[in-house]
Amino acid sequence: MVLSDVRLINLPKIIDERGNLSFFEQKNHIPFEIKRVYWIYDVPGGEERGGHSYKTNQEFIIALSGSFDVILNDGKDIKRVQLNRSYYGLFVPKGIWRHMENFSTNSLAFVAASIAYDADDYIRSYDDFAKLK
């Protein structure tokens, strides 16, 4: 995969004076069936999360609260995407090295994944990732 396969996806946004609502549906708004969800929170200032790639897993990342940056690398190019709104998310296909940084206070990163947790699906060494590219 290459960075051009990574994309921001705008989600439906229902505006209401009582508070807005957004949602997404698997295979409709995002291009995969959801097998796992997880969230990242209480990240201390200056810390990073991620720092890996996947062999088969695809992800959809949303900043439900606050903001953070997702740094993406396809082995050739690097791209930084700031997530700071809960009505859009970042689709990250397999084969993209990524990490998250610059977490604001009380930020909440929500991630939907295409496979159940599988430690063997991770590429945790950047050198190994670069060799595959």
Protein backbone atom coordinates (compact mmCIF):
# COMPACT_ATOMS: atom_id res chain seq x y z
CA MET A 1 0.00 0.00 0.00
CA VAL A 2 1.01 3.61 -0.55
CA LEU A 3 0.11 6.85 1.17
CA SER A 4 -2.42 7.68 -1.55
CA ASP A 5 -4.48 4.74 -0.20
CA VAL A 6 -4.79 6.52 3.17
CA ARG A 7 -7.76 8.85 3.25
CA LEU A 8 -9.91 11.02 5.46
CA ILE A 9 -13.53 9.93 5.50
CA ASN A 10 -16.24 12.43 6.37
CA LEU A 11 -18.93 10.87 8.52
CA PRO A 12 -22.61 11.73 8.64
CA LYS A 13 -23.23 14.68 10.94
CA ILE A 14 -26.70 15.25 12.33
CA ILE A 15 -26.85 18.78 13.72
CA ASP A 16 -29.26 19.35 16.59
CA GLU A 17 -29.58 22.21 19.06
CA ARG A 18 -29.43 19.60 21.85
CA GLY A 19 -26.06 18.33 20.58
CA ASN A 20 -24.73 16.86 17.36
CA LEU A 21 -24.51 13.19 16.45
CA SER A 22 -22.18 11.35 14.08
CA PHE A 23 -21.87 7.65 13.29
CA PHE A 24 -20.31 5.16 10.91
CA GLU A 25 -21.28 1.76 9.62
CA GLN A 26 -19.00 -1.05 8.53
CA LYS A 27 -18.81 -1.65 4.77
CA ASN A 28 -20.80 1.53 4.25
CA HIS A 29 -18.81 4.48 5.58
CA ILE A 30 -15.63 2.47 6.12
CA PRO A 31 -14.40 -0.16 3.63
CA PHE A 32 -14.18 -3.16 5.96
CA GLU A 33 -16.04 -5.27 8.48
CA ILE A 34 -15.18 -4.36 12.08
CA LYS A 35 -13.69 -7.19 14.13
CA ARG A 36 -12.27 -5.14 17.03
CA VAL A 37 -12.43 -1.67 18.51
CA TYR A 38 -10.14 -0.03 21.03
CA TRP A 39 -9.44 3.44 22.34
CA ILE A 40 -6.37 5.29 23.54
CA TYR A 41 -6.63 7.85 26.33
CA ASP A 42 -4.70 9.47 29.20
CA VAL A 43 -1.57 9.71 27.04
CA PRO A 44 1.08 11.67 28.99
CA GLY A 45 2.48 14.80 27.33
CA GLY A 46 5.20 14.06 24.80
CA GLU A 47 4.39 10.34 24.50
CA GLU A 48 3.76 8.47 21.26
CA ARG A 49 1.49 5.52 20.53
CA GLY A 50 1.71 3.01 17.70
CA GLY A 51 5.03 2.70 15.93
CA HIS A 52 4.16 -0.33 13.82
CA SER A 53 2.53 -1.58 10.65
CA TYR A 54 0.17 -4.46 9.94
CA LYS A 55 0.35 -7.30 7.44
CA THR A 56 -3.44 -7.57 7.00
CA ASN A 57 -5.22 -5.30 9.49
CA GLN A 58 -6.88 -2.09 8.33
CA GLU A 59 -7.89 0.67 10.72
CA PHE A 60 -10.22 3.63 10.97
CA ILE A 61 -9.04 6.22 13.51
CA ILE A 62 -11.21 8.99 14.98
CA ALA A 63 -10.40 11.74 17.48
CA LEU A 64 -13.55 11.48 19.59
CA SER A 65 -12.21 14.19 21.87
CA GLY A 66 -9.25 16.55 21.65
CA SER A 67 -6.64 16.19 18.96
CA PHE A 68 -3.57 14.22 17.93
CA ASP A 69 -1.39 13.72 14.87
CA VAL A 70 -1.07 10.48 12.92
CA ILE A 71 2.29 10.11 11.17
CA LEU A 72 2.09 7.75 8.17
CA ASN A 73 4.94 6.20 6.23
CA ASP A 74 4.70 3.89 3.21
CA GLY A 75 8.46 3.27 3.08
CA LYS A 76 8.95 6.06 0.56
CA ASP A 77 6.92 9.07 1.68
CA ILE A 78 5.82 10.44 5.06
CA LYS A 79 2.56 12.25 5.75
CA ARG A 80 1.20 13.93 8.90
CA VAL A 81 -2.56 14.10 9.47
CA GLN A 82 -4.05 15.97 12.41
CA LEU A 83 -7.29 14.51 13.73
CA ASN A 84 -9.35 16.96 15.78
CA ARG A 85 -13.03 16.50 14.87
CA SER A 86 -15.31 13.60 15.73
CA TYR A 87 -17.18 13.71 12.41
CA TYR A 88 -14.33 12.44 10.25
CA GLY A 89 -11.79 9.69 10.58
CA LEU A 90 -8.65 8.38 8.96
CA PHE A 91 -8.68 5.13 7.00
CA VAL A 92 -5.28 3.42 7.23
CA PRO A 93 -4.89 0.31 5.05
CA LYS A 94 -2.50 -2.55 5.76
CA GLY A 95 1.17 -2.03 5.01
CA ILE A 96 1.46 1.56 6.27
CA TRP A 97 3.82 2.33 9.16
CA ARG A 98 2.09 4.65 11.60
CA HIS A 99 2.38 6.26 14.96
CA MET A 100 0.37 8.86 16.85
CA GLU A 101 1.80 11.85 18.72
CA ASN A 102 0.94 15.36 19.91
CA PHE A 103 -1.99 14.24 22.05
CA SER A 104 -3.90 17.15 23.56
CA THR A 105 -5.10 17.03 27.16
CA ASN A 106 -8.08 14.69 27.55
CA SER A 107 -7.83 13.45 23.96
CA LEU A 108 -9.56 10.21 23.06
CA ALA A 109 -8.50 8.18 20.03
CA PHE A 110 -11.06 5.60 18.88
CA VAL A 111 -9.87 2.86 16.50
CA ALA A 112 -11.95 0.34 14.56
CA ALA A 113 -9.93 -2.60 13.21
CA SER A 114 -10.62 -5.15 10.48
CA ILE A 115 -9.25 -8.16 12.37
CA ALA A 116 -9.26 -9.46 15.93
CA TYR A 117 -6.02 -8.91 17.82
CA ASP A 118 -3.23 -11.02 16.36
CA ALA A 119 0.32 -10.38 17.58
CA ASP A 120 1.69 -12.06 14.43
CA ASP A 121 0.00 -9.44 12.21
CA TYR A 122 2.19 -6.64 13.61
CA ILE A 123 5.43 -5.47 12.03
CA ARG A 124 7.05 -3.81 15.04
CA SER A 125 10.54 -3.19 13.67
CA TYR A 126 10.92 -0.35 11.18
CA ASP A 127 13.91 -2.16 9.64
CA ASP A 128 11.71 -5.21 8.96
CA PHE A 129 9.04 -2.93 7.51
CA ALA A 130 11.57 -1.22 5.23
CA LYS A 131 12.82 -4.61 3.97
CA LEU A 132 9.27 -5.58 2.98
CA LYS A 133 8.86 -2.36 1.03
